[in-house]
């Protein structure tokens, strides 16, 4: 009886440990991959992402967006403004939660 419980606990322990080991191996593979030289396609992809990031910071918005994009954006914002009311719809709303006021009642 005790032997069965020990074996059952050991199998549970074994499965838990194996899951953690697999996760750690997966994470360490990602870390070691960053230290190695990247695949040329991956390197090209990362370079293009970084290039777009710098261009978008300089432009202050989407890169290579023509007047059609701006027109569609303004129409969408106007439609949302009519549907949901006032406020700047390009920013995340700010929520203010106040603590409830509890009053002590005499016993």
N, C-alpha and C. Protein backbone atom coordinates (compact mmCIF):
# COMPACT_ATOMS: atom_id res chain seq x y z
N UNK A 1 0.82 -1.18 0.00
CA UNK A 1 0.00 0.00 0.00
C UNK A 1 0.87 1.25 0.00
N UNK A 2 1.81 1.31 0.90
CA UNK A 2 2.70 2.46 0.98
C UNK A 2 3.58 2.52 -0.26
N UNK A 3 3.99 1.35 -0.72
CA UNK A 3 4.82 1.29 -1.92
C UNK A 3 4.07 1.84 -3.13
N UNK A 4 2.78 1.51 -3.22
CA UNK A 4 1.96 2.02 -4.33
C UNK A 4 1.87 3.55 -4.28
N UNK A 5 1.65 4.10 -3.10
CA UNK A 5 1.56 5.56 -2.97
C UNK A 5 2.89 6.22 -3.32
N UNK A 6 3.98 5.61 -2.91
CA UNK A 6 5.29 6.17 -3.22
C UNK A 6 5.52 6.14 -4.73
N UNK A 7 5.14 5.02 -5.37
CA UNK A 7 5.31 4.93 -6.82
C UNK A 7 4.42 5.93 -7.54
N UNK A 8 3.19 6.11 -7.04
CA UNK A 8 2.29 7.07 -7.65
C UNK A 8 2.85 8.49 -7.50
N UNK A 9 3.35 8.83 -6.32
CA UNK A 9 3.95 10.15 -6.11
C UNK A 9 5.21 10.33 -6.94
N UNK A 10 5.99 9.26 -7.08
CA UNK A 10 7.21 9.39 -7.87
C UNK A 10 6.88 9.60 -9.35
N UNK A 11 5.82 8.95 -9.85
CA UNK A 11 5.44 9.19 -11.25
C UNK A 11 4.92 10.61 -11.43
N UNK A 12 4.20 11.13 -10.44
CA UNK A 12 3.72 12.51 -10.49
C UNK A 12 4.91 13.47 -10.46
N UNK A 13 5.85 13.18 -9.58
CA UNK A 13 7.06 13.99 -9.49
C UNK A 13 7.84 13.93 -10.79
N UNK A 14 7.95 12.76 -11.36
CA UNK A 14 8.68 12.59 -12.63
C UNK A 14 8.03 13.40 -13.74
N UNK A 15 6.70 13.36 -13.86
CA UNK A 15 6.04 14.11 -14.93
C UNK A 15 6.20 15.61 -14.72
N UNK A 16 6.12 16.07 -13.48
CA UNK A 16 6.30 17.50 -13.19
C UNK A 16 7.70 17.96 -13.54
N UNK A 17 8.68 17.18 -13.15
CA UNK A 17 10.07 17.53 -13.44
C UNK A 17 10.31 17.52 -14.94
N UNK A 18 9.76 16.53 -15.65
CA UNK A 18 10.00 16.46 -17.09
C UNK A 18 9.38 17.66 -17.81
N UNK A 19 8.23 18.12 -17.35
CA UNK A 19 7.63 19.32 -17.96
C UNK A 19 8.53 20.53 -17.76
N UNK A 20 9.04 20.71 -16.56
CA UNK A 20 9.92 21.86 -16.29
C UNK A 20 11.21 21.77 -17.08
N UNK A 21 11.75 20.57 -17.21
CA UNK A 21 12.99 20.41 -17.97
C UNK A 21 12.75 20.75 -19.43
N UNK A 22 11.62 20.28 -20.00
CA UNK A 22 11.32 20.59 -21.40
C UNK A 22 11.16 22.09 -21.61
N UNK A 23 10.48 22.76 -20.67
CA UNK A 23 10.31 24.21 -20.80
C UNK A 23 11.65 24.92 -20.74
N UNK A 24 12.50 24.52 -19.80
CA UNK A 24 13.79 25.17 -19.65
C UNK A 24 14.68 24.93 -20.87
N UNK A 25 14.60 23.75 -21.44
CA UNK A 25 15.38 23.48 -22.64
C UNK A 25 14.88 24.35 -23.79
N UNK A 26 13.56 24.50 -23.89
CA UNK A 26 13.01 25.35 -24.94
C UNK A 26 13.44 26.80 -24.78
N UNK A 27 13.42 27.31 -23.54
CA UNK A 27 13.84 28.69 -23.31
C UNK A 27 15.33 28.86 -23.55
N UNK A 28 16.12 27.90 -23.12
CA UNK A 28 17.56 28.04 -23.32
C UNK A 28 17.92 27.96 -24.80
N UNK A 29 17.14 27.21 -25.58
CA UNK A 29 17.40 27.16 -27.02
C UNK A 29 17.20 28.53 -27.65
N UNK A 30 16.19 29.27 -27.19
CA UNK A 30 15.95 30.62 -27.70
C UNK A 30 17.11 31.53 -27.32
N UNK A 31 17.57 31.44 -26.08
CA UNK A 31 18.66 32.29 -25.62
C UNK A 31 19.94 31.98 -26.39
N UNK A 32 20.25 30.70 -26.57
CA UNK A 32 21.46 30.34 -27.30
C UNK A 32 21.35 30.72 -28.77
N UNK A 33 20.15 30.70 -29.33
CA UNK A 33 19.96 31.07 -30.73
C UNK A 33 20.27 32.55 -30.94
N UNK A 34 20.01 33.38 -29.93
CA UNK A 34 20.30 34.81 -30.07
C UNK A 34 21.80 35.07 -30.10
N UNK A 35 22.57 34.22 -29.45
CA UNK A 35 24.01 34.44 -29.43
C UNK A 35 24.66 33.95 -30.72
N UNK A 36 24.03 32.99 -31.38
CA UNK A 36 24.58 32.50 -32.65
C UNK A 36 24.25 33.48 -33.77
N UNK A 37 24.90 33.27 -34.89
CA UNK A 37 24.60 34.09 -36.08
C UNK A 37 23.25 33.68 -36.62
N UNK A 38 22.45 34.66 -37.00
CA UNK A 38 21.11 34.39 -37.50
C UNK A 38 21.13 33.87 -38.93
N UNK A 39 20.08 33.20 -39.27
CA UNK A 39 19.83 32.77 -40.63
C UNK A 39 19.74 34.03 -41.50
N UNK A 40 20.23 34.03 -42.74
CA UNK A 40 20.18 35.24 -43.56
C UNK A 40 18.77 35.79 -43.77
N UNK A 41 17.79 34.91 -43.88
CA UNK A 41 16.41 35.37 -44.06
C UNK A 41 15.92 36.04 -42.77
N UNK A 42 16.23 35.43 -41.62
CA UNK A 42 15.84 36.04 -40.35
C UNK A 42 16.51 37.39 -40.16
N UNK A 43 17.79 37.46 -40.52
CA UNK A 43 18.53 38.71 -40.38
C UNK A 43 17.92 39.80 -41.27
N UNK A 44 17.57 39.45 -42.50
CA UNK A 44 16.93 40.40 -43.41
C UNK A 44 15.59 40.87 -42.85
N UNK A 45 14.81 39.94 -42.31
CA UNK A 45 13.51 40.27 -41.72
C UNK A 45 13.67 41.23 -40.54
N UNK A 46 14.61 40.94 -39.65
CA UNK A 46 14.85 41.82 -38.51
C UNK A 46 15.35 43.19 -38.94
N UNK A 47 16.21 43.23 -39.96
CA UNK A 47 16.70 44.51 -40.46
C UNK A 47 15.56 45.36 -41.02
N UNK A 48 14.63 44.74 -41.75
CA UNK A 48 13.50 45.47 -42.31
C UNK A 48 12.58 45.99 -41.20
N UNK A 49 12.38 45.19 -40.16
CA UNK A 49 11.54 45.64 -39.04
C UNK A 49 12.19 46.83 -38.35
N UNK A 50 13.49 46.75 -38.12
CA UNK A 50 14.19 47.87 -37.47
C UNK A 50 14.17 49.12 -38.35
N UNK A 51 14.33 48.94 -39.65
CA UNK A 51 14.28 50.06 -40.58
C UNK A 51 12.90 50.72 -40.57
N UNK A 52 11.85 49.92 -40.58
CA UNK A 52 10.48 50.46 -40.52
C UNK A 52 10.26 51.19 -39.20
N UNK A 53 10.79 50.65 -38.12
CA UNK A 53 10.63 51.29 -36.81
C UNK A 53 11.26 52.68 -36.80
N UNK A 54 12.46 52.81 -37.35
CA UNK A 54 13.10 54.13 -37.37
C UNK A 54 12.34 55.09 -38.29
N UNK A 55 11.87 54.59 -39.44
CA UNK A 55 11.11 55.46 -40.35
C UNK A 55 9.81 55.91 -39.73
N UNK A 56 9.12 55.01 -39.02
CA UNK A 56 7.84 55.39 -38.41
C UNK A 56 8.04 56.39 -37.28
N UNK A 57 9.16 56.28 -36.56
CA UNK A 57 9.44 57.26 -35.51
C UNK A 57 9.72 58.63 -36.12
N UNK A 58 10.42 58.65 -37.24
CA UNK A 58 10.72 59.92 -37.90
C UNK A 58 9.47 60.53 -38.51
N UNK A 59 8.61 59.69 -39.09
CA UNK A 59 7.40 60.19 -39.74
C UNK A 59 6.30 60.51 -38.72
N UNK A 60 6.38 59.91 -37.55
CA UNK A 60 5.36 60.14 -36.53
C UNK A 60 4.06 59.40 -36.80
N UNK A 61 4.13 58.32 -37.55
CA UNK A 61 2.94 57.53 -37.87
C UNK A 61 3.28 56.46 -38.89
N UNK A 62 2.28 56.00 -39.62
CA UNK A 62 2.52 54.97 -40.62
C UNK A 62 3.45 55.46 -41.74
N UNK A 63 4.29 54.56 -42.21
CA UNK A 63 5.25 54.89 -43.26
C UNK A 63 4.62 54.62 -44.62
N UNK A 64 4.90 55.49 -45.57
CA UNK A 64 4.44 55.37 -46.94
C UNK A 64 2.92 55.28 -47.05
N UNK A 65 2.22 55.95 -46.15
CA UNK A 65 0.76 55.98 -46.23
C UNK A 65 0.35 57.20 -47.05
N UNK A 66 -0.44 56.95 -48.06
CA UNK A 66 -0.85 58.02 -48.96
C UNK A 66 -2.06 58.77 -48.44
N UNK A 67 -2.60 59.67 -49.25
CA UNK A 67 -3.76 60.45 -48.84
C UNK A 67 -5.02 59.59 -48.68
N UNK A 68 -5.09 58.47 -49.41
CA UNK A 68 -6.24 57.58 -49.26
C UNK A 68 -6.32 57.01 -47.84
N UNK A 69 -5.14 56.65 -47.29
CA UNK A 69 -5.11 56.12 -45.93
C UNK A 69 -5.61 57.14 -44.93
N UNK A 70 -5.13 58.38 -45.06
CA UNK A 70 -5.54 59.43 -44.13
C UNK A 70 -7.04 59.72 -44.27
N UNK A 71 -7.55 59.70 -45.50
CA UNK A 71 -8.97 59.93 -45.73
C UNK A 71 -9.81 58.83 -45.06
N UNK A 72 -9.41 57.57 -45.27
CA UNK A 72 -10.12 56.45 -44.64
C UNK A 72 -10.05 56.53 -43.11
N UNK A 73 -8.90 56.92 -42.60
CA UNK A 73 -8.72 57.04 -41.15
C UNK A 73 -9.65 58.11 -40.59
N UNK A 74 -9.72 59.26 -41.24
CA UNK A 74 -10.60 60.34 -40.77
C UNK A 74 -12.07 59.95 -40.84
N UNK A 75 -12.46 59.24 -41.91
CA UNK A 75 -13.85 58.79 -42.02
C UNK A 75 -14.19 57.78 -40.92
N UNK A 76 -13.28 56.88 -40.65
CA UNK A 76 -13.51 55.89 -39.59
C UNK A 76 -13.61 56.55 -38.23
N UNK A 77 -12.73 57.51 -37.96
CA UNK A 77 -12.79 58.22 -36.68
C UNK A 77 -14.08 59.01 -36.54
N UNK A 78 -14.54 59.64 -37.64
CA UNK A 78 -15.79 60.40 -37.58
C UNK A 78 -16.97 59.46 -37.32
N UNK A 79 -16.98 58.30 -37.95
CA UNK A 79 -18.04 57.33 -37.74
C UNK A 79 -18.05 56.83 -36.29
N UNK A 80 -16.87 56.54 -35.74
CA UNK A 80 -16.78 56.09 -34.35
C UNK A 80 -17.17 57.21 -33.38
N UNK A 81 -16.82 58.45 -33.74
CA UNK A 81 -17.17 59.61 -32.91
C UNK A 81 -18.70 59.74 -32.82
N UNK A 82 -19.37 59.57 -33.96
CA UNK A 82 -20.84 59.64 -33.96
C UNK A 82 -21.44 58.49 -33.15
N UNK A 83 -20.84 57.31 -33.24
CA UNK A 83 -21.41 56.15 -32.57
C UNK A 83 -21.16 56.15 -31.06
N UNK A 84 -19.96 56.59 -30.65
CA UNK A 84 -19.59 56.44 -29.24
C UNK A 84 -19.41 57.76 -28.50
N UNK A 85 -19.61 58.87 -29.14
CA UNK A 85 -19.57 60.13 -28.42
C UNK A 85 -18.25 60.86 -28.52
N UNK A 86 -18.08 61.75 -27.59
CA UNK A 86 -16.94 62.68 -27.59
C UNK A 86 -15.65 61.99 -27.16
N UNK A 87 -14.57 62.72 -27.30
CA UNK A 87 -13.27 62.25 -26.82
C UNK A 87 -12.33 61.93 -27.97
N UNK A 88 -11.07 61.78 -27.62
CA UNK A 88 -10.05 61.43 -28.60
C UNK A 88 -10.02 59.92 -28.75
N UNK A 89 -10.40 59.42 -29.91
CA UNK A 89 -10.50 57.99 -30.12
C UNK A 89 -9.19 57.34 -30.51
N UNK A 90 -8.14 58.12 -30.68
CA UNK A 90 -6.85 57.54 -31.04
C UNK A 90 -6.03 57.19 -29.80
N UNK A 91 -6.50 57.54 -28.62
CA UNK A 91 -5.78 57.26 -27.38
C UNK A 91 -6.58 56.29 -26.53
N UNK A 92 -5.87 55.54 -25.71
CA UNK A 92 -6.52 54.59 -24.81
C UNK A 92 -7.23 55.38 -23.72
N UNK A 93 -8.45 54.98 -23.36
CA UNK A 93 -9.19 55.74 -22.34
C UNK A 93 -8.55 55.60 -20.96
N UNK A 94 -8.73 56.63 -20.17
CA UNK A 94 -8.23 56.61 -18.79
C UNK A 94 -9.38 56.27 -17.87
N UNK A 95 -9.16 55.29 -17.03
CA UNK A 95 -10.17 54.87 -16.08
C UNK A 95 -9.80 55.37 -14.71
N UNK A 96 -10.80 55.84 -13.98
CA UNK A 96 -10.59 56.29 -12.61
C UNK A 96 -11.52 55.51 -11.71
N UNK A 97 -10.92 54.69 -10.88
CA UNK A 97 -11.70 53.90 -9.94
C UNK A 97 -11.53 54.50 -8.56
N UNK A 98 -12.64 54.83 -7.94
CA UNK A 98 -12.58 55.38 -6.60
C UNK A 98 -12.88 54.27 -5.60
N UNK A 99 -12.24 54.38 -4.47
CA UNK A 99 -12.48 53.41 -3.42
C UNK A 99 -13.88 53.62 -2.87
N UNK A 100 -14.60 52.53 -2.59
CA UNK A 100 -15.93 52.71 -2.01
C UNK A 100 -15.83 53.25 -0.58
N UNK A 101 -16.80 54.04 -0.21
CA UNK A 101 -16.82 54.64 1.13
C UNK A 101 -17.67 53.75 2.02
N UNK A 102 -17.01 53.15 2.98
CA UNK A 102 -17.71 52.30 3.91
C UNK A 102 -17.98 53.07 5.19
N UNK A 103 -19.16 52.93 5.69
CA UNK A 103 -19.50 53.58 6.96
C UNK A 103 -19.69 52.51 8.02
N UNK A 104 -19.15 52.80 9.17
CA UNK A 104 -19.32 51.87 10.27
C UNK A 104 -20.67 52.10 10.90
N UNK A 105 -21.38 51.04 11.15
CA UNK A 105 -22.69 51.16 11.81
C UNK A 105 -22.54 50.74 13.25
N UNK A 106 -23.15 51.51 14.14
CA UNK A 106 -23.06 51.13 15.55
C UNK A 106 -23.86 49.84 15.82
N UNK A 107 -23.34 49.07 16.73
CA UNK A 107 -24.01 47.80 17.04
C UNK A 107 -25.13 47.96 18.02
